[in-house]
Full PDB file with SEQRES, HELIX, SHEET, SSBOND, CRYST1, ORIGX, SCALE, CONECT and MASTER records, all heavy atoms in Angstrom:
SEQRES   1 A   42  LEU TRP GLU LEU TRP ASN GLU PRO GLU SER PRO TYR PHE          
SEQRES   2 A   42  ARG GLY THR VAL GLU GLU TYR ASN LYS MET TYR ASP HIS          
SEQRES   3 A   42  PHE THR TYR ALA VAL LYS ALA ILE VAL PRO ASP ALA ARG          
SEQRES   4 A   42  VAL GLY GLY                                                  
HELIX    1 AA1 VAL A   17  ILE A   34  1                                  18    
SHEET    1 AA1 2 TRP A   2  GLU A   3  0                                        
SHEET    2 AA1 2 VAL A  40  GLY A  41  1                                        
CRYST1    1.000    1.000    1.000  90.00  90.00  90.00 P 1           1          
ORIGX1      1.000000  0.000000  0.000000        0.00000                         
ORIGX2      0.000000  1.000000  0.000000        0.00000                         
ORIGX3      0.000000  0.000000  1.000000        0.00000                         
SCALE1      1.000000  0.000000  0.000000        0.00000                         
SCALE2      0.000000  1.000000  0.000000        0.00000                         
SCALE3      0.000000  0.000000  1.000000        0.00000                         
ATOM      1  N   LEU A   1       4.972  18.652-141.288  1.00  0.00           N  
ATOM      2  CA  LEU A   1       4.105  17.758-140.593  1.00  0.00           C  
ATOM      3  C   LEU A   1       3.537  16.710-141.557  1.00  0.00           C  
ATOM      4  O   LEU A   1       2.920  17.125-142.576  1.00  0.00           O  
ATOM      5  CB  LEU A   1       2.975  18.534-139.885  1.00  0.00           C  
ATOM      6  CG  LEU A   1       3.406  19.563-138.865  1.00  0.00           C  
ATOM      7  CD1 LEU A   1       2.196  20.492-138.516  1.00  0.00           C  
ATOM      8  CD2 LEU A   1       3.924  18.910-137.611  1.00  0.00           C  
ATOM      9  N   TRP A   2       3.780  15.456-141.357  1.00  0.00           N  
ATOM     10  CA  TRP A   2       3.332  14.421-142.226  1.00  0.00           C  
ATOM     11  C   TRP A   2       2.181  13.636-141.542  1.00  0.00           C  
ATOM     12  O   TRP A   2       2.329  13.132-140.437  1.00  0.00           O  
ATOM     13  CB  TRP A   2       4.472  13.422-142.488  1.00  0.00           C  
ATOM     14  CG  TRP A   2       5.553  13.969-143.347  1.00  0.00           C  
ATOM     15  CD1 TRP A   2       6.635  14.765-142.962  1.00  0.00           C  
ATOM     16  CD2 TRP A   2       5.729  13.821-144.777  1.00  0.00           C  
ATOM     17  NE1 TRP A   2       7.436  15.101-144.054  1.00  0.00           N  
ATOM     18  CE2 TRP A   2       6.893  14.491-145.202  1.00  0.00           C  
ATOM     19  CE3 TRP A   2       5.024  13.152-145.767  1.00  0.00           C  
ATOM     20  CZ2 TRP A   2       7.328  14.549-146.471  1.00  0.00           C  
ATOM     21  CZ3 TRP A   2       5.417  13.144-147.101  1.00  0.00           C  
ATOM     22  CH2 TRP A   2       6.587  13.829-147.445  1.00  0.00           C  
ATOM     23  N   GLU A   3       1.058  13.556-142.278  1.00  0.00           N  
ATOM     24  CA  GLU A   3      -0.106  12.950-141.682  1.00  0.00           C  
ATOM     25  C   GLU A   3      -0.757  11.922-142.622  1.00  0.00           C  
ATOM     26  O   GLU A   3      -0.554  12.051-143.861  1.00  0.00           O  
ATOM     27  CB  GLU A   3      -1.194  14.039-141.324  1.00  0.00           C  
ATOM     28  CG  GLU A   3      -1.486  14.881-142.541  1.00  0.00           C  
ATOM     29  CD  GLU A   3      -2.883  15.464-142.529  1.00  0.00           C  
ATOM     30  OE1 GLU A   3      -3.825  14.782-142.025  1.00  0.00           O  
ATOM     31  OE2 GLU A   3      -3.064  16.576-143.019  1.00  0.00           O  
ATOM     32  N   LEU A   4      -1.497  11.007-142.086  1.00  0.00           N  
ATOM     33  CA  LEU A   4      -2.163  10.006-142.888  1.00  0.00           C  
ATOM     34  C   LEU A   4      -3.661  10.268-142.929  1.00  0.00           C  
ATOM     35  O   LEU A   4      -4.345  10.300-141.910  1.00  0.00           O  
ATOM     36  CB  LEU A   4      -1.952   8.603-142.331  1.00  0.00           C  
ATOM     37  CG  LEU A   4      -2.696   7.490-143.026  1.00  0.00           C  
ATOM     38  CD1 LEU A   4      -2.250   7.334-144.469  1.00  0.00           C  
ATOM     39  CD2 LEU A   4      -2.551   6.132-142.258  1.00  0.00           C  
ATOM     40  N   TRP A   5      -4.160  10.533-144.169  1.00  0.00           N  
ATOM     41  CA  TRP A   5      -5.633  10.556-144.493  1.00  0.00           C  
ATOM     42  C   TRP A   5      -6.353  11.700-143.849  1.00  0.00           C  
ATOM     43  O   TRP A   5      -5.773  12.654-143.259  1.00  0.00           O  
ATOM     44  CB  TRP A   5      -6.203   9.192-144.081  1.00  0.00           C  
ATOM     45  CG  TRP A   5      -7.178   8.691-145.134  1.00  0.00           C  
ATOM     46  CD1 TRP A   5      -8.521   8.731-145.088  1.00  0.00           C  
ATOM     47  CD2 TRP A   5      -6.783   8.092-146.389  1.00  0.00           C  
ATOM     48  NE1 TRP A   5      -9.073   8.110-146.201  1.00  0.00           N  
ATOM     49  CE2 TRP A   5      -7.983   7.732-147.046  1.00  0.00           C  
ATOM     50  CE3 TRP A   5      -5.586   7.798-146.971  1.00  0.00           C  
ATOM     51  CZ2 TRP A   5      -8.002   7.093-148.310  1.00  0.00           C  
ATOM     52  CZ3 TRP A   5      -5.600   7.175-148.205  1.00  0.00           C  
ATOM     53  CH2 TRP A   5      -6.793   6.822-148.891  1.00  0.00           C  
ATOM     54  N   ASN A   6      -7.649  11.639-143.935  1.00  0.00           N  
ATOM     55  CA  ASN A   6      -8.548  12.645-143.448  1.00  0.00           C  
ATOM     56  C   ASN A   6      -9.834  12.021-142.950  1.00  0.00           C  
ATOM     57  O   ASN A   6     -10.443  11.191-143.672  1.00  0.00           O  
ATOM     58  CB  ASN A   6      -8.927  13.682-144.558  1.00  0.00           C  
ATOM     59  CG  ASN A   6      -9.891  14.701-144.160  1.00  0.00           C  
ATOM     60  OD1 ASN A   6      -9.510  15.598-143.362  1.00  0.00           O  
ATOM     61  ND2 ASN A   6     -11.123  14.663-144.584  1.00  0.00           N  
ATOM     62  N   GLU A   7     -10.159  12.289-141.712  1.00  0.00           N  
ATOM     63  CA  GLU A   7     -11.443  11.818-141.088  1.00  0.00           C  
ATOM     64  C   GLU A   7     -11.724  10.369-141.389  1.00  0.00           C  
ATOM     65  O   GLU A   7     -12.733  10.000-142.029  1.00  0.00           O  
ATOM     66  CB  GLU A   7     -12.598  12.745-141.542  1.00  0.00           C  
ATOM     67  CG  GLU A   7     -12.424  14.177-141.122  1.00  0.00           C  
ATOM     68  CD  GLU A   7     -13.485  15.153-141.588  1.00  0.00           C  
ATOM     69  OE1 GLU A   7     -14.474  14.696-142.285  1.00  0.00           O  
ATOM     70  OE2 GLU A   7     -13.415  16.318-141.257  1.00  0.00           O  
ATOM     71  N   PRO A   8     -10.814   9.452-140.992  1.00  0.00           N  
ATOM     72  CA  PRO A   8     -10.932   8.034-141.376  1.00  0.00           C  
ATOM     73  C   PRO A   8     -12.060   7.284-140.722  1.00  0.00           C  
ATOM     74  O   PRO A   8     -12.337   6.142-141.118  1.00  0.00           O  
ATOM     75  CB  PRO A   8      -9.558   7.517-140.917  1.00  0.00           C  
ATOM     76  CG  PRO A   8      -9.169   8.354-139.788  1.00  0.00           C  
ATOM     77  CD  PRO A   8      -9.629   9.713-140.165  1.00  0.00           C  
ATOM     78  N   GLU A   9     -12.732   7.910-139.785  1.00  0.00           N  
ATOM     79  CA  GLU A   9     -13.923   7.240-139.184  1.00  0.00           C  
ATOM     80  C   GLU A   9     -15.189   7.519-139.989  1.00  0.00           C  
ATOM     81  O   GLU A   9     -16.268   7.013-139.689  1.00  0.00           O  
ATOM     82  CB  GLU A   9     -14.114   7.704-137.730  1.00  0.00           C  
ATOM     83  CG  GLU A   9     -14.872   9.038-137.549  1.00  0.00           C  
ATOM     84  CD  GLU A   9     -14.172  10.293-137.953  1.00  0.00           C  
ATOM     85  OE1 GLU A   9     -13.054  10.237-138.584  1.00  0.00           O  
ATOM     86  OE2 GLU A   9     -14.616  11.396-137.631  1.00  0.00           O  
ATOM     87  N   SER A  10     -15.059   8.327-141.017  1.00  0.00           N  
ATOM     88  CA  SER A  10     -16.169   8.806-141.823  1.00  0.00           C  
ATOM     89  C   SER A  10     -16.146   8.209-143.194  1.00  0.00           C  
ATOM     90  O   SER A  10     -15.276   7.374-143.544  1.00  0.00           O  
ATOM     91  CB  SER A  10     -16.106  10.325-141.933  1.00  0.00           C  
ATOM     92  OG  SER A  10     -15.169  10.707-142.932  1.00  0.00           O  
ATOM     93  N   PRO A  11     -17.075   8.585-144.082  1.00  0.00           N  
ATOM     94  CA  PRO A  11     -17.032   8.057-145.458  1.00  0.00           C  
ATOM     95  C   PRO A  11     -15.770   8.399-146.285  1.00  0.00           C  
ATOM     96  O   PRO A  11     -15.532   7.844-147.308  1.00  0.00           O  
ATOM     97  CB  PRO A  11     -18.265   8.711-146.101  1.00  0.00           C  
ATOM     98  CG  PRO A  11     -19.222   8.927-145.020  1.00  0.00           C  
ATOM     99  CD  PRO A  11     -18.346   9.292-143.804  1.00  0.00           C  
ATOM    100  N   TYR A  12     -14.897   9.264-145.744  1.00  0.00           N  
ATOM    101  CA  TYR A  12     -13.642   9.511-146.355  1.00  0.00           C  
ATOM    102  C   TYR A  12     -12.756   8.247-146.384  1.00  0.00           C  
ATOM    103  O   TYR A  12     -11.799   8.229-147.172  1.00  0.00           O  
ATOM    104  CB  TYR A  12     -12.876  10.626-145.670  1.00  0.00           C  
ATOM    105  CG  TYR A  12     -13.177  12.037-146.147  1.00  0.00           C  
ATOM    106  CD1 TYR A  12     -14.079  12.862-145.447  1.00  0.00           C  
ATOM    107  CD2 TYR A  12     -12.646  12.518-147.321  1.00  0.00           C  
ATOM    108  CE1 TYR A  12     -14.381  14.138-145.859  1.00  0.00           C  
ATOM    109  CE2 TYR A  12     -12.962  13.816-147.803  1.00  0.00           C  
ATOM    110  CZ  TYR A  12     -13.810  14.605-147.050  1.00  0.00           C  
ATOM    111  OH  TYR A  12     -14.126  15.859-147.489  1.00  0.00           O  
ATOM    112  N   PHE A  13     -13.007   7.296-145.542  1.00  0.00           N  
ATOM    113  CA  PHE A  13     -12.253   6.062-145.509  1.00  0.00           C  
ATOM    114  C   PHE A  13     -13.175   4.849-145.432  1.00  0.00           C  
ATOM    115  O   PHE A  13     -13.864   4.678-144.403  1.00  0.00           O  
ATOM    116  CB  PHE A  13     -11.277   6.042-144.315  1.00  0.00           C  
ATOM    117  CG  PHE A  13     -10.354   4.898-144.323  1.00  0.00           C  
ATOM    118  CD1 PHE A  13      -9.429   4.641-145.306  1.00  0.00           C  
ATOM    119  CD2 PHE A  13     -10.354   4.000-143.211  1.00  0.00           C  
ATOM    120  CE1 PHE A  13      -8.589   3.548-145.283  1.00  0.00           C  
ATOM    121  CE2 PHE A  13      -9.521   2.901-143.178  1.00  0.00           C  
ATOM    122  CZ  PHE A  13      -8.607   2.715-144.225  1.00  0.00           C  
ATOM    123  N   ARG A  14     -13.210   4.074-146.464  1.00  0.00           N  
ATOM    124  CA  ARG A  14     -14.092   2.902-146.479  1.00  0.00           C  
ATOM    125  C   ARG A  14     -13.400   1.621-146.028  1.00  0.00           C  
ATOM    126  O   ARG A  14     -13.490   0.569-146.605  1.00  0.00           O  
ATOM    127  CB  ARG A  14     -14.541   2.681-147.913  1.00  0.00           C  
ATOM    128  CG  ARG A  14     -15.196   3.948-148.560  1.00  0.00           C  
ATOM    129  CD  ARG A  14     -16.492   4.304-147.892  1.00  0.00           C  
ATOM    130  NE  ARG A  14     -17.066   5.566-148.325  1.00  0.00           N  
ATOM    131  CZ  ARG A  14     -18.343   5.704-148.720  1.00  0.00           C  
ATOM    132  NH1 ARG A  14     -19.176   4.726-148.638  1.00  0.00           N  
ATOM    133  NH2 ARG A  14     -18.786   6.926-149.128  1.00  0.00           N  
ATOM    134  N   GLY A  15     -12.738   1.836-144.911  1.00  0.00           N  
ATOM    135  CA  GLY A  15     -12.055   0.713-144.270  1.00  0.00           C  
ATOM    136  C   GLY A  15     -12.292   0.689-142.795  1.00  0.00           C  
ATOM    137  O   GLY A  15     -13.093   1.467-142.274  1.00  0.00           O  
ATOM    138  N   THR A  16     -11.652  -0.225-142.075  1.00  0.00           N  
ATOM    139  CA  THR A  16     -11.803  -0.322-140.623  1.00  0.00           C  
ATOM    140  C   THR A  16     -10.692   0.406-139.908  1.00  0.00           C  
ATOM    141  O   THR A  16      -9.709   0.791-140.498  1.00  0.00           O  
ATOM    142  CB  THR A  16     -11.738  -1.813-140.214  1.00  0.00           C  
ATOM    143  OG1 THR A  16     -10.436  -2.333-140.491  1.00  0.00           O  
ATOM    144  CG2 THR A  16     -12.775  -2.587-141.007  1.00  0.00           C  
ATOM    145  N   VAL A  17     -10.832   0.564-138.585  1.00  0.00           N  
ATOM    146  CA  VAL A  17      -9.766   1.201-137.825  1.00  0.00           C  
ATOM    147  C   VAL A  17      -8.517   0.335-137.896  1.00  0.00           C  
ATOM    148  O   VAL A  17      -7.365   0.843-137.864  1.00  0.00           O  
ATOM    149  CB  VAL A  17     -10.218   1.473-136.359  1.00  0.00           C  
ATOM    150  CG1 VAL A  17     -10.520   0.202-135.635  1.00  0.00           C  
ATOM    151  CG2 VAL A  17      -9.210   2.277-135.593  1.00  0.00           C  
ATOM    152  N   GLU A  18      -8.663  -0.967-137.926  1.00  0.00           N  
ATOM    153  CA  GLU A  18      -7.536  -1.872-138.011  1.00  0.00           C  
ATOM    154  C   GLU A  18      -6.757  -1.705-139.352  1.00  0.00           C  
ATOM    155  O   GLU A  18      -5.515  -1.700-139.370  1.00  0.00           O  
ATOM    156  CB  GLU A  18      -7.974  -3.332-137.882  1.00  0.00           C  
ATOM    157  CG  GLU A  18      -8.461  -3.750-136.530  1.00  0.00           C  
ATOM    158  CD  GLU A  18      -9.901  -3.283-136.219  1.00  0.00           C  
ATOM    159  OE1 GLU A  18     -10.602  -2.884-137.235  1.00  0.00           O  
ATOM    160  OE2 GLU A  18     -10.331  -3.202-135.069  1.00  0.00           O  
ATOM    161  N   GLU A  19      -7.554  -1.454-140.402  1.00  0.00           N  
ATOM    162  CA  GLU A  19      -6.896  -1.211-141.685  1.00  0.00           C  
ATOM    163  C   GLU A  19      -6.180   0.167-141.711  1.00  0.00           C  
ATOM    164  O   GLU A  19      -5.077   0.329-142.288  1.00  0.00           O  
ATOM    165  CB  GLU A  19      -7.909  -1.327-142.834  1.00  0.00           C  
ATOM    166  CG  GLU A  19      -8.384  -2.698-143.086  1.00  0.00           C  
ATOM    167  CD  GLU A  19      -9.527  -2.777-144.036  1.00  0.00           C  
ATOM    168  OE1 GLU A  19     -10.500  -2.018-143.921  1.00  0.00           O  
ATOM    169  OE2 GLU A  19      -9.476  -3.627-145.024  1.00  0.00           O  
ATOM    170  N   TYR A  20      -6.821   1.113-141.099  1.00  0.00           N  
ATOM    171  CA  TYR A  20      -6.136   2.415-140.944  1.00  0.00           C  
ATOM    172  C   TYR A  20      -4.812   2.286-140.193  1.00  0.00           C  
ATOM    173  O   TYR A  20      -3.824   2.804-140.577  1.00  0.00           O  
ATOM    174  CB  TYR A  20      -7.097   3.430-140.283  1.00  0.00           C  
ATOM    175  CG  TYR A  20      -6.415   4.781-140.104  1.00  0.00           C  
ATOM    176  CD1 TYR A  20      -6.432   5.749-141.088  1.00  0.00           C  
ATOM    177  CD2 TYR A  20      -5.750   5.095-138.900  1.00  0.00           C  
ATOM    178  CE1 TYR A  20      -5.759   6.958-140.932  1.00  0.00           C  
ATOM    179  CE2 TYR A  20      -5.090   6.355-138.730  1.00  0.00           C  
ATOM    180  CZ  TYR A  20      -5.111   7.265-139.753  1.00  0.00           C  
ATOM    181  OH  TYR A  20      -4.508   8.449-139.572  1.00  0.00           O  
ATOM    182  N   ASN A  21      -4.870   1.613-139.085  1.00  0.00           N  
ATOM    183  CA  ASN A  21      -3.652   1.476-138.268  1.00  0.00           C  
ATOM    184  C   ASN A  21      -2.550   0.749-139.056  1.00  0.00           C  
ATOM    185  O   ASN A  21      -1.389   1.091-138.911  1.00  0.00           O  
ATOM    186  CB  ASN A  21      -3.986   0.720-136.964  1.00  0.00           C  
ATOM    187  CG  ASN A  21      -4.829   1.556-135.979  1.00  0.00           C  
ATOM    188  OD1 ASN A  21      -4.838   2.761-136.089  1.00  0.00           O  
ATOM    189  ND2 ASN A  21      -5.489   0.876-135.104  1.00  0.00           N  
ATOM    190  N   LYS A  22      -2.984  -0.269-139.837  1.00  0.00           N  
ATOM    191  CA  LYS A  22      -1.999  -0.928-140.670  1.00  0.00           C  
ATOM    192  C   LYS A  22      -1.379   0.025-141.698  1.00  0.00           C  
ATOM    193  O   LYS A  22      -0.163   0.059-141.958  1.00  0.00           O  
ATOM    194  CB  LYS A  22      -2.606  -2.119-141.365  1.00  0.00           C  
ATOM    195  CG  LYS A  22      -1.659  -2.999-142.163  1.00  0.00           C  
ATOM    196  CD  LYS A  22      -2.336  -4.216-142.703  1.00  0.00           C  
ATOM    197  CE  LYS A  22      -1.372  -5.106-143.453  1.00  0.00           C  
ATOM    198  NZ  LYS A  22      -2.007  -6.356-143.994  1.00  0.00           N  
ATOM    199  N   MET A  23      -2.241   0.808-142.337  1.00  0.00           N  
ATOM    200  CA  MET A  23      -1.745   1.829-143.271  1.00  0.00           C  
ATOM    201  C   MET A  23      -0.779   2.811-142.573  1.00  0.00           C  
ATOM    202  O   MET A  23       0.236   3.170-143.177  1.00  0.00           O  
ATOM    203  CB  MET A  23      -2.900   2.627-143.878  1.00  0.00           C  
ATOM    204  CG  MET A  23      -3.727   1.913-144.957  1.00  0.00           C  
ATOM    205  SD  MET A  23      -5.099   2.932-145.507  1.00  0.00           S  
ATOM    206  CE  MET A  23      -4.240   4.328-146.195  1.00  0.00           C  
ATOM    207  N   TYR A  24      -1.164   3.146-141.364  1.00  0.00           N  
ATOM    208  CA  TYR A  24      -0.383   4.125-140.574  1.00  0.00           C  
ATOM    209  C   TYR A  24       1.067   3.572-140.329  1.00  0.00           C  
ATOM    210  O   TYR A  24       2.094   4.229-140.410  1.00  0.00           O  
ATOM    211  CB  TYR A  24      -1.056   4.497-139.312  1.00  0.00           C  
ATOM    212  CG  TYR A  24      -0.317   5.522-138.459  1.00  0.00           C  
ATOM    213  CD1 TYR A  24      -0.403   6.858-138.755  1.00  0.00           C  
ATOM    214  CD2 TYR A  24       0.479   5.169-137.377  1.00  0.00           C  
ATOM    215  CE1 TYR A  24       0.280   7.856-138.076  1.00  0.00           C  
ATOM    216  CE2 TYR A  24       1.168   6.092-136.612  1.00  0.00           C  
ATOM    217  CZ  TYR A  24       1.077   7.428-136.981  1.00  0.00           C  
ATOM    218  OH  TYR A  24       1.746   8.364-136.209  1.00  0.00           O  
ATOM    219  N   ASP A  25       1.108   2.269-139.917  1.00  0.00           N  
ATOM    220  CA  ASP A  25       2.394   1.624-139.643  1.00  0.00           C  
ATOM    221  C   ASP A  25       3.283   1.634-140.882  1.00  0.00           C  
ATOM    222  O   ASP A  25       4.501   1.953-140.802  1.00  0.00           O  
ATOM    223  CB  ASP A  25       2.136   0.167-139.196  1.00  0.00           C  
ATOM    224  CG  ASP A  25       1.490   0.055-137.829  1.00  0.00           C  
ATOM    225  OD1 ASP A  25       1.505   1.106-137.112  1.00  0.00           O  
ATOM    226  OD2 ASP A  25       1.027  -0.989-137.527  1.00  0.00           O  
ATOM    227  N   HIS A  26       2.720   1.359-142.050  1.00  0.00           N  
ATOM    228  CA  HIS A  26       3.523   1.350-143.265  1.00  0.00           C  
ATOM    229  C   HIS A  26       3.894   2.835-143.645  1.00  0.00           C  
ATOM    230  O   HIS A  26       5.012   3.065-144.139  1.00  0.00           O  
ATOM    231  CB  HIS A  26       2.750   0.655-144.398  1.00  0.00           C  
ATOM    232  CG  HIS A  26       2.742  -0.825-144.321  1.00  0.00           C  
ATOM    233  ND1 HIS A  26       3.691  -1.609-144.819  1.00  0.00           N  
ATOM    234  CD2 HIS A  26       1.854  -1.648-143.702  1.00  0.00           C  
ATOM    235  CE1 HIS A  26       3.446  -2.902-144.646  1.00  0.00           C  
ATOM    236  NE2 HIS A  26       2.305  -2.957-143.921  1.00  0.00           N  
ATOM    237  N   PHE A  27       3.010   3.694-143.452  1.00  0.00           N  
ATOM    238  CA  PHE A  27       3.205   5.151-143.746  1.00  0.00           C  
ATOM    239  C   PHE A  27       4.384   5.691-142.891  1.00  0.00           C  
ATOM    240  O   PHE A  27       5.347   6.257-143.389  1.00  0.00           O  
ATOM    241  CB  PHE A  27       1.932   5.915-143.534  1.00  0.00           C  
ATOM    242  CG  PHE A  27       2.087   7.379-143.427  1.00  0.00           C  
ATOM    243  CD1 PHE A  27       2.373   8.136-144.551  1.00  0.00           C  
ATOM    244  CD2 PHE A  27       1.944   8.080-142.186  1.00  0.00           C  
ATOM    245  CE1 PHE A  27       2.481   9.538-144.447  1.00  0.00           C  
ATOM    246  CE2 PHE A  27       2.079   9.421-142.124  1.00  0.00           C  
ATOM    247  CZ  PHE A  27       2.349  10.196-143.228  1.00  0.00           C  
ATOM    248  N   THR A  28       4.265   5.515-141.603  1.00  0.00           N  
ATOM    249  CA  THR A  28       5.292   6.063-140.708  1.00  0.00           C  
ATOM    250  C   THR A  28       6.638   5.386-140.898  1.00  0.00           C  
ATOM    251  O   THR A  28       7.704   6.001-140.800  1.00  0.00           O  
ATOM    252  CB  THR A  28       4.850   5.968-139.266  1.00  0.00           C  
ATOM    253  OG1 THR A  28       4.521   4.612-138.891  1.00  0.00           O  
ATOM    254  CG2 THR A  28       3.647   6.826-139.002  1.00  0.00           C  
ATOM    255  N   TYR A  29       6.660   4.069-141.164  1.00  0.00           N  
ATOM    256  CA  TYR A  29       7.901   3.352-141.411  1.00  0.00           C  
ATOM    257  C   TYR A  29       8.599   3.934-142.626  1.00  0.00           C  
ATOM    258  O   TYR A  29       9.808   4.212-142.618  1.00  0.00           O  
ATOM    259  CB  TYR A  29       7.675   1.885-141.609  1.00  0.00           C  
ATOM    260  CG  TYR A  29       8.918   1.066-141.777  1.00  0.00           C  
ATOM    261  CD1 TYR A  29       9.620   0.603-140.620  1.00  0.00           C  
ATOM    262  CD2 TYR A  29       9.438   0.827-143.033  1.00  0.00           C  
ATOM    263  CE1 TYR A  29      10.793  -0.118-140.801  1.00  0.00           C  
ATOM    264  CE2 TYR A  29      10.626   0.074-143.163  1.00  0.00           C  
ATOM    265  CZ  TYR A  29      11.310  -0.360-142.070  1.00  0.00           C  
ATOM    266  OH  TYR A  29      12.483  -1.042-142.186  1.00  0.00           O  
ATOM    267  N   ALA A  30       7.786   4.204-143.724  1.00  0.00           N  
ATOM    268  CA  ALA A  30       8.366   4.700-144.914  1.00  0.00           C  
ATOM    269  C   ALA A  30       8.931   6.170-144.729  1.00  0.00           C  
ATOM    270  O   ALA A  30      10.044   6.433-145.171  1.00  0.00           O  
ATOM    271  CB  ALA A  30       7.308   4.724-146.037  1.00  0.00           C  
ATOM    272  N   VAL A  31       8.212   6.958-143.997  1.00  0.00           N  
ATOM    273  CA  VAL A  31       8.704   8.323-143.804  1.00  0.00           C  
ATOM    274  C   VAL A  31       9.946   8.348-142.932  1.00  0.00           C  
ATOM    275  O   VAL A  31      11.015   8.977-143.297  1.00  0.00           O  
ATOM    276  CB  VAL A  31       7.622   9.181-143.114  1.00  0.00           C  
ATOM    277  CG1 VAL A  31       8.178  10.551-142.724  1.00  0.00           C  
ATOM    278  CG2 VAL A  31       6.432   9.342-144.005  1.00  0.00           C  
ATOM    279  N   LYS A  32       9.932   7.667-141.803  1.00  0.00           N  
ATOM    280  CA  LYS A  32      11.060   7.638-140.863  1.00  0.00           C  
ATOM    281  C   LYS A  32      12.273   6.930-141.420  1.00  0.00           C  
ATOM    282  O   LYS A  32      13.422   7.274-141.005  1.00  0.00           O  
ATOM    283  CB  LYS A  32      10.626   7.006-139.560  1.00  0.00           C  
ATOM    284  CG  LYS A  32       9.505   7.743-138.805  1.00  0.00           C  
ATOM    285  CD  LYS A  32      10.079   8.919-137.991  1.00  0.00           C  
ATOM    286  CE  LYS A  32       9.103   9.467-137.009  1.00  0.00           C  
ATOM    287  NZ  LYS A  32       9.587  10.585-136.217  1.00  0.00           N  
ATOM    288  N   ALA A  33      12.101   5.947-142.278  1.00  0.00           N  
ATOM    289  CA  ALA A  33      13.260   5.207-142.850  1.00  0.00           C  
ATOM    290  C   ALA A  33      14.131   6.171-143.672  1.00  0.00           C  
ATOM    291  O   ALA A  33      15.351   5.997-143.759  1.00  0.00           O  
ATOM    292  CB  ALA A  33      12.800   4.074-143.666  1.00  0.00           C  
ATOM    293  N   ILE A  34      13.571   7.217-144.208  1.00  0.00           N  
ATOM    294  CA  ILE A  34      14.301   8.130-145.105  1.00  0.00           C  
ATOM    295  C   ILE A  34      14.651   9.411-144.352  1.00  0.00           C  
ATOM    296  O   ILE A  34      15.806   9.892-144.479  1.00  0.00           O  
ATOM    297  CB  ILE A  34      13.470   8.476-146.382  1.00  0.00           C  
ATOM    298  CG1 ILE A  34      13.280   7.165-147.171  1.00  0.00           C  
ATOM    299  CG2 ILE A  34      14.144   9.533-147.231  1.00  0.00           C  
ATOM    300  CD1 ILE A  34      12.311   7.293-148.326  1.00  0.00           C  
ATOM    301  N   VAL A  35      13.715   9.915-143.525  1.00  0.00           N  
ATOM    302  CA  VAL A  35      13.960  11.128-142.782  1.00  0.00           C  
ATOM    303  C   VAL A  35      13.599  10.772-141.289  1.00  0.00           C  
ATOM    304  O   VAL A  35      12.444  11.000-140.904  1.00  0.00           O  
ATOM    305  CB  VAL A  35      13.169  12.337-143.243  1.00  0.00           C  
ATOM    306  CG1 VAL A  35      13.532  13.619-142.463  1.00  0.00           C  
ATOM    307  CG2 VAL A  35      13.412  12.557-144.756  1.00  0.00           C  
ATOM    308  N   PRO A  36      14.531  10.254-140.524  1.00  0.00           N  
ATOM    309  CA  PRO A  36      14.185   9.756-139.161  1.00  0.00           C  
ATOM    310  C   PRO A  36      13.566  10.825-138.275  1.00  0.00           C  
ATOM    311  O   PRO A  36      12.792  10.487-137.356  1.00  0.00           O  
ATOM    312  CB  PRO A  36      15.558   9.264-138.614  1.00  0.00           C  
ATOM    313  CG  PRO A  36      16.382   8.920-139.864  1.00  0.00           C  
ATOM    314  CD  PRO A  36      15.934   9.932-140.852  1.00  0.00           C  
ATOM    315  N   ASP A  37      13.957  12.087-138.427  1.00  0.00           N  
ATOM    316  CA  ASP A  37      13.444  13.124-137.551  1.00  0.00           C  
ATOM    317  C   ASP A  37      12.254  13.829-138.131  1.00  0.00           C  
ATOM    318  O   ASP A  37      11.769  14.868-137.591  1.00  0.00           O  
ATOM    319  CB  ASP A  37      14.526  14.140-137.181  1.00  0.00           C  
ATOM    320  CG  ASP A  37      15.174  14.794-138.421  1.00  0.00           C  
ATOM    321  OD1 ASP A  37      14.951  14.290-139.540  1.00  0.00           O  
ATOM    322  OD2 ASP A  37      15.871  15.818-138.240  1.00  0.00           O  
ATOM    323  N   ALA A  38      11.634  13.312-139.230  1.00  0.00           N  
ATOM    324  CA  ALA A  38      10.416  13.865-139.730  1.00  0.00           C  
ATOM    325  C   ALA A  38       9.315  13.595-138.702  1.00  0.00           C  
ATOM    326  O   ALA A  38       9.318  12.660-137.948  1.00  0.00           O  
ATOM    327  CB  ALA A  38      10.063  13.214-141.064  1.00  0.00           C  
ATOM    328  N   ARG A  39       8.329  14.555-138.667  1.00  0.00           N  
ATOM    329  CA  ARG A  39       7.259  14.400-137.720  1.00  0.00           C  
ATOM    330  C   ARG A  39       6.019  13.819-138.349  1.00  0.00           C  
ATOM    331  O   ARG A  39       5.563  14.260-139.369  1.00  0.00           O  
ATOM    332  CB  ARG A  39       6.943  15.804-137.194  1.00  0.00           C  
ATOM    333  CG  ARG A  39       8.006  16.472-136.354  1.00  0.00           C  
ATOM    334  CD  ARG A  39       7.736  17.868-135.902  1.00  0.00           C  
ATOM    335  NE  ARG A  39       7.758  18.807-137.011  1.00  0.00           N  
ATOM    336  CZ  ARG A  39       7.350  20.101-136.908  1.00  0.00           C  
ATOM    337  NH1 ARG A  39       6.877  20.536-135.792  1.00  0.00           N  
ATOM    338  NH2 ARG A  39       7.463  20.866-137.990  1.00  0.00           N  
ATOM    339  N   VAL A  40       5.516  12.744-137.726  1.00  0.00           N  
ATOM    340  CA  VAL A  40       4.357  12.008-138.258  1.00  0.00           C  
ATOM    341  C   VAL A  40       3.283  11.960-137.187  1.00  0.00           C  
ATOM    342  O   VAL A  40       3.520  11.985-135.985  1.00  0.00           O  
ATOM    343  CB  VAL A  40       4.759  10.615-138.628  1.00  0.00           C  
ATOM    344  CG1 VAL A  40       5.797  10.577-139.791  1.00  0.00           C  
ATOM    345  CG2 VAL A  40       5.320   9.818-137.482  1.00  0.00           C  
ATOM    346  N   GLY A  41       2.025  11.888-137.663  1.00  0.00           N  
ATOM    347  CA  GLY A  41       0.967  11.880-136.731  1.00  0.00           C  
ATOM    348  C   GLY A  41      -0.408  11.676-137.411  1.00  0.00           C  
ATOM    349  O   GLY A  41      -0.527  11.427-138.625  1.00  0.00           O  
ATOM    350  N   GLY A  42      -1.456  11.768-136.620  1.00  0.00           N  
ATOM    351  CA  GLY A  42      -2.823  11.558-137.082  1.00  0.00           C  
ATOM    352  C   GLY A  42      -3.686  11.582-135.829  1.00  0.00           C  
ATOM    353  O   GLY A  42      -3.313  12.016-134.731  1.00  0.00           O  
TER     354      GLY A  42                                                      
MASTER        0    0    0    1    2    0    0    6  353    1    0    4          
END                                                                             
C-alpha cells in the first residue's frame, strides 16, 4: 500500500490542501508509471 504523507490537515503539513493534491498527483503518477497495478491512496 503506497500512501502520501501523514495527517496533512495538521501541523504535519505546512501547506494547503491544493498543494497536497498537487503532491498527490505527482506521487501517484510516479508510482503508477513504474508499477501500474500498485495501490495508491490517502
